[in-house]
Structure formats: C-alpha cells, structure tokens
Amino acid sequence: MLFFVIEDFRGRDPKAIYRRFRDKGRLAPDGFIVHHSWIAADMSRCFMLVEAENVTLLQRWVVEWADLVGFEIVPVASSKDTVAGLAPHL
C-alpha cells in the first residue's frame, strides 16, 4: 500500500527531529519503505511517499515520532493503477 504522509514539525522546530534521525535513523519497521521525501522551504513540514505492507507498519513508525511530529496520512494509488481500475467503467 502507498501512503502520502504529511509531517507537521511540532513547534516548527526541525532540529529535534533531525537530531533523532541522526542518532537513531528512521526508526521504521521492516517492510516500511520511504520512496521520496521533501521538506517545505520554511522547514516546518515534510512530505513523504511511503509504502507499507499494511497499516500496522505505518502505525508502528508513527508511534516512534508522535512526540515530535503531527501526522496526516492519505492512502494513495498511482494514476496508472487508477486508470486501469476505472477502465471497465468508462
């Protein structure tokens, strides 16, 4: 499953987040894949495209960061997959 994740840095302070990342890594469980990551120009948020076999892996990752980050998580599908799914109905 693909997810678009928006991380809001609590207090708009990325330093604590990057410190933890430097010291402990991404803290992601096996099977959790980060495909792309972008940081807002004002360094207040991060936008990520991630993949996880199931939502439980995503939840395990969120728990590791919830003290520093607020999350918005949106399940997504590629345009190609969406077109294929809709094709019989068009």
N, C-alpha and C. Protein backbone atom coordinates (compact mmCIF):
# COMPACT_ATOMS: atom_id res chain seq x y z
N MET A 1 0.84 -1.18 0.00
CA MET A 1 0.00 0.00 0.00
C MET A 1 0.88 1.24 0.00
N LEU A 2 0.47 2.24 -0.78
CA LEU A 2 1.18 3.52 -0.81
C LEU A 2 0.44 4.54 0.04
N PHE A 3 1.21 5.39 0.70
CA PHE A 3 0.65 6.44 1.54
C PHE A 3 1.40 7.73 1.28
N PHE A 4 0.66 8.84 1.23
CA PHE A 4 1.28 10.16 1.21
C PHE A 4 1.20 10.67 2.65
N VAL A 5 2.34 10.97 3.23
CA VAL A 5 2.42 11.38 4.63
C VAL A 5 2.85 12.84 4.70
N ILE A 6 2.09 13.62 5.45
CA ILE A 6 2.48 14.99 5.73
C ILE A 6 2.83 15.06 7.21
N GLU A 7 4.07 15.40 7.48
CA GLU A 7 4.54 15.54 8.86
C GLU A 7 4.60 17.02 9.20
N ASP A 8 3.91 17.43 10.24
CA ASP A 8 3.99 18.79 10.75
C ASP A 8 4.93 18.79 11.95
N PHE A 9 6.02 19.52 11.84
CA PHE A 9 7.01 19.55 12.91
C PHE A 9 6.46 20.36 14.08
N ARG A 10 6.30 19.73 15.22
CA ARG A 10 5.77 20.41 16.40
C ARG A 10 6.68 21.58 16.77
N GLY A 11 6.07 22.72 17.01
CA GLY A 11 6.84 23.92 17.34
C GLY A 11 7.62 24.48 16.17
N ARG A 12 7.37 23.94 14.98
CA ARG A 12 8.08 24.36 13.76
C ARG A 12 9.59 24.32 13.94
N ASP A 13 10.05 23.33 14.72
CA ASP A 13 11.48 23.20 15.00
C ASP A 13 11.99 21.88 14.46
N PRO A 14 12.67 21.89 13.33
CA PRO A 14 13.15 20.64 12.76
C PRO A 14 14.40 20.07 13.45
N LYS A 15 15.05 20.86 14.30
CA LYS A 15 16.32 20.41 14.88
C LYS A 15 16.18 19.13 15.70
N ALA A 16 15.15 19.05 16.54
CA ALA A 16 14.96 17.85 17.36
C ALA A 16 14.70 16.63 16.49
N ILE A 17 13.98 16.82 15.41
CA ILE A 17 13.68 15.71 14.50
C ILE A 17 14.95 15.23 13.82
N TYR A 18 15.73 16.16 13.31
CA TYR A 18 16.96 15.77 12.62
C TYR A 18 18.00 15.21 13.58
N ARG A 19 17.97 15.65 14.84
CA ARG A 19 18.86 15.06 15.84
C ARG A 19 18.52 13.59 16.06
N ARG A 20 17.22 13.31 16.24
CA ARG A 20 16.81 11.92 16.44
C ARG A 20 17.13 11.08 15.20
N PHE A 21 16.86 11.63 14.03
CA PHE A 21 17.14 10.91 12.79
C PHE A 21 18.64 10.60 12.69
N ARG A 22 19.47 11.58 13.03
CA ARG A 22 20.92 11.38 13.01
C ARG A 22 21.34 10.29 14.00
N ASP A 23 20.77 10.32 15.19
CA ASP A 23 21.19 9.41 16.26
C ASP A 23 20.58 8.02 16.16
N LYS A 24 19.33 7.92 15.66
CA LYS A 24 18.63 6.63 15.69
C LYS A 24 18.14 6.14 14.33
N GLY A 25 18.31 6.96 13.30
CA GLY A 25 17.82 6.57 11.98
C GLY A 25 16.32 6.84 11.85
N ARG A 26 15.71 6.24 10.85
CA ARG A 26 14.31 6.50 10.55
C ARG A 26 13.36 5.82 11.53
N LEU A 27 13.84 4.82 12.26
CA LEU A 27 13.03 4.07 13.24
C LEU A 27 11.84 3.37 12.57
N ALA A 28 12.03 2.97 11.35
CA ALA A 28 10.96 2.31 10.59
C ALA A 28 11.07 0.80 10.73
N PRO A 29 9.93 0.13 10.86
CA PRO A 29 9.96 -1.33 10.94
C PRO A 29 10.30 -1.95 9.58
N ASP A 30 10.74 -3.19 9.58
CA ASP A 30 11.00 -3.90 8.33
C ASP A 30 9.73 -3.91 7.49
N GLY A 31 9.87 -3.67 6.20
CA GLY A 31 8.72 -3.64 5.32
C GLY A 31 8.15 -2.26 5.10
N PHE A 32 8.71 -1.26 5.78
CA PHE A 32 8.29 0.13 5.62
C PHE A 32 9.32 0.80 4.72
N ILE A 33 8.89 1.31 3.57
CA ILE A 33 9.80 1.86 2.57
C ILE A 33 9.46 3.32 2.31
N VAL A 34 10.46 4.17 2.37
CA VAL A 34 10.29 5.58 2.01
C VAL A 34 10.77 5.74 0.58
N HIS A 35 9.85 6.10 -0.32
CA HIS A 35 10.22 6.27 -1.73
C HIS A 35 10.77 7.66 -2.00
N HIS A 36 10.15 8.68 -1.44
CA HIS A 36 10.59 10.07 -1.64
C HIS A 36 10.25 10.88 -0.41
N SER A 37 11.03 11.93 -0.20
CA SER A 37 10.79 12.81 0.93
C SER A 37 11.17 14.23 0.52
N TRP A 38 10.31 15.18 0.85
CA TRP A 38 10.55 16.58 0.53
C TRP A 38 10.31 17.40 1.79
N ILE A 39 11.08 18.46 1.97
CA ILE A 39 10.93 19.35 3.12
C ILE A 39 10.43 20.70 2.61
N ALA A 40 9.43 21.28 3.28
CA ALA A 40 8.93 22.61 2.92
C ALA A 40 10.06 23.63 3.05
N ALA A 41 9.99 24.65 2.23
CA ALA A 41 11.05 25.67 2.22
C ALA A 41 11.24 26.32 3.58
N ASP A 42 10.15 26.44 4.36
CA ASP A 42 10.27 27.05 5.69
C ASP A 42 10.65 26.03 6.77
N MET A 43 10.91 24.79 6.38
CA MET A 43 11.34 23.70 7.25
C MET A 43 10.33 23.37 8.35
N SER A 44 9.06 23.63 8.08
CA SER A 44 8.02 23.35 9.08
C SER A 44 7.33 22.01 8.86
N ARG A 45 7.49 21.44 7.65
CA ARG A 45 6.79 20.20 7.32
C ARG A 45 7.64 19.35 6.40
N CYS A 46 7.29 18.07 6.40
CA CYS A 46 7.91 17.11 5.50
C CYS A 46 6.79 16.39 4.75
N PHE A 47 7.01 16.12 3.49
CA PHE A 47 6.05 15.40 2.66
C PHE A 47 6.74 14.13 2.18
N MET A 48 6.08 12.99 2.38
CA MET A 48 6.72 11.72 2.06
C MET A 48 5.78 10.80 1.29
N LEU A 49 6.34 10.05 0.36
CA LEU A 49 5.63 8.95 -0.27
C LEU A 49 6.24 7.68 0.31
N VAL A 50 5.42 6.92 1.02
CA VAL A 50 5.92 5.71 1.69
C VAL A 50 5.10 4.50 1.26
N GLU A 51 5.68 3.35 1.49
CA GLU A 51 5.00 2.09 1.18
C GLU A 51 5.08 1.19 2.40
N ALA A 52 3.99 0.53 2.70
CA ALA A 52 3.95 -0.42 3.81
C ALA A 52 3.01 -1.55 3.44
N GLU A 53 3.37 -2.75 3.85
CA GLU A 53 2.54 -3.93 3.55
C GLU A 53 1.14 -3.78 4.14
N ASN A 54 1.07 -3.14 5.28
CA ASN A 54 -0.22 -2.94 5.95
C ASN A 54 -0.13 -1.71 6.84
N VAL A 55 -1.26 -1.25 7.26
CA VAL A 55 -1.32 0.00 8.03
C VAL A 55 -0.66 -0.15 9.40
N THR A 56 -0.57 -1.36 9.92
CA THR A 56 0.06 -1.58 11.22
C THR A 56 1.53 -1.15 11.20
N LEU A 57 2.23 -1.42 10.10
CA LEU A 57 3.63 -0.98 9.99
C LEU A 57 3.71 0.54 10.05
N LEU A 58 2.79 1.20 9.39
CA LEU A 58 2.76 2.65 9.41
C LEU A 58 2.50 3.17 10.82
N GLN A 59 1.59 2.54 11.52
CA GLN A 59 1.28 2.94 12.90
C GLN A 59 2.48 2.75 13.82
N ARG A 60 3.21 1.66 13.63
CA ARG A 60 4.41 1.42 14.46
C ARG A 60 5.45 2.52 14.25
N TRP A 61 5.58 2.99 13.02
CA TRP A 61 6.52 4.06 12.72
C TRP A 61 6.04 5.38 13.32
N VAL A 62 4.75 5.69 13.19
CA VAL A 62 4.19 6.93 13.72
C VAL A 62 4.43 7.04 15.22
N VAL A 63 4.26 5.95 15.95
CA VAL A 63 4.45 5.97 17.40
C VAL A 63 5.86 6.43 17.78
N GLU A 64 6.85 6.08 16.96
CA GLU A 64 8.24 6.47 17.25
C GLU A 64 8.48 7.98 17.13
N TRP A 65 7.61 8.68 16.39
CA TRP A 65 7.83 10.09 16.11
C TRP A 65 6.73 11.01 16.63
N ALA A 66 5.66 10.47 17.16
CA ALA A 66 4.48 11.27 17.52
C ALA A 66 4.76 12.36 18.55
N ASP A 67 5.82 12.23 19.34
CA ASP A 67 6.14 13.28 20.31
C ASP A 67 6.71 14.53 19.64
N LEU A 68 7.26 14.37 18.43
CA LEU A 68 7.88 15.49 17.73
C LEU A 68 7.12 15.93 16.48
N VAL A 69 6.24 15.06 15.98
CA VAL A 69 5.63 15.28 14.68
C VAL A 69 4.13 14.99 14.75
N GLY A 70 3.32 15.86 14.11
CA GLY A 70 1.92 15.56 13.87
C GLY A 70 1.79 14.99 12.47
N PHE A 71 0.91 14.02 12.28
CA PHE A 71 0.82 13.31 11.01
C PHE A 71 -0.53 13.46 10.34
N GLU A 72 -0.51 13.63 9.04
CA GLU A 72 -1.67 13.44 8.19
C GLU A 72 -1.27 12.36 7.19
N ILE A 73 -2.06 11.29 7.12
CA ILE A 73 -1.70 10.14 6.29
C ILE A 73 -2.85 9.86 5.33
N VAL A 74 -2.51 9.81 4.04
CA VAL A 74 -3.51 9.61 3.00
C VAL A 74 -3.12 8.38 2.17
N PRO A 75 -3.95 7.33 2.17
CA PRO A 75 -3.68 6.20 1.26
C PRO A 75 -3.83 6.69 -0.18
N VAL A 76 -2.90 6.32 -1.06
CA VAL A 76 -2.93 6.77 -2.44
C VAL A 76 -2.69 5.61 -3.40
N ALA A 77 -3.06 5.83 -4.65
CA ALA A 77 -2.79 4.88 -5.74
C ALA A 77 -2.19 5.68 -6.89
N SER A 78 -1.38 5.03 -7.70
CA SER A 78 -0.80 5.72 -8.85
C SER A 78 -1.90 6.02 -9.86
N SER A 79 -1.67 7.02 -10.69
CA SER A 79 -2.63 7.35 -11.74
C SER A 79 -2.82 6.16 -12.68
N LYS A 80 -1.74 5.47 -12.99
CA LYS A 80 -1.80 4.30 -13.87
C LYS A 80 -2.74 3.23 -13.29
N ASP A 81 -2.60 2.95 -12.01
CA ASP A 81 -3.47 1.94 -11.38
C ASP A 81 -4.92 2.41 -11.32
N THR A 82 -5.12 3.70 -11.09
CA THR A 82 -6.47 4.23 -11.05
C THR A 82 -7.14 4.13 -12.41
N VAL A 83 -6.43 4.49 -13.47
CA VAL A 83 -6.96 4.39 -14.82
C VAL A 83 -7.33 2.93 -15.14
N ALA A 84 -6.45 2.01 -14.77
CA ALA A 84 -6.73 0.59 -15.03
C ALA A 84 -7.97 0.13 -14.27
N GLY A 85 -8.13 0.58 -13.06
CA GLY A 85 -9.30 0.20 -12.26
C GLY A 85 -10.60 0.79 -12.80
N LEU A 86 -10.53 1.98 -13.36
CA LEU A 86 -11.71 2.65 -13.88
C LEU A 86 -12.05 2.25 -15.32
N ALA A 87 -11.07 1.71 -16.05
CA ALA A 87 -11.25 1.42 -17.48
C ALA A 87 -12.54 0.69 -17.81
N PRO A 88 -12.94 -0.36 -17.08
CA PRO A 88 -14.18 -1.06 -17.45
C PRO A 88 -15.43 -0.20 -17.28
N HIS A 89 -15.32 0.89 -16.55
CA HIS A 89 -16.49 1.73 -16.26
C HIS A 89 -16.55 2.99 -17.11
N LEU A 90 -15.57 3.17 -17.98
CA LEU A 90 -15.52 4.38 -18.79
C LEU A 90 -16.21 4.19 -20.13
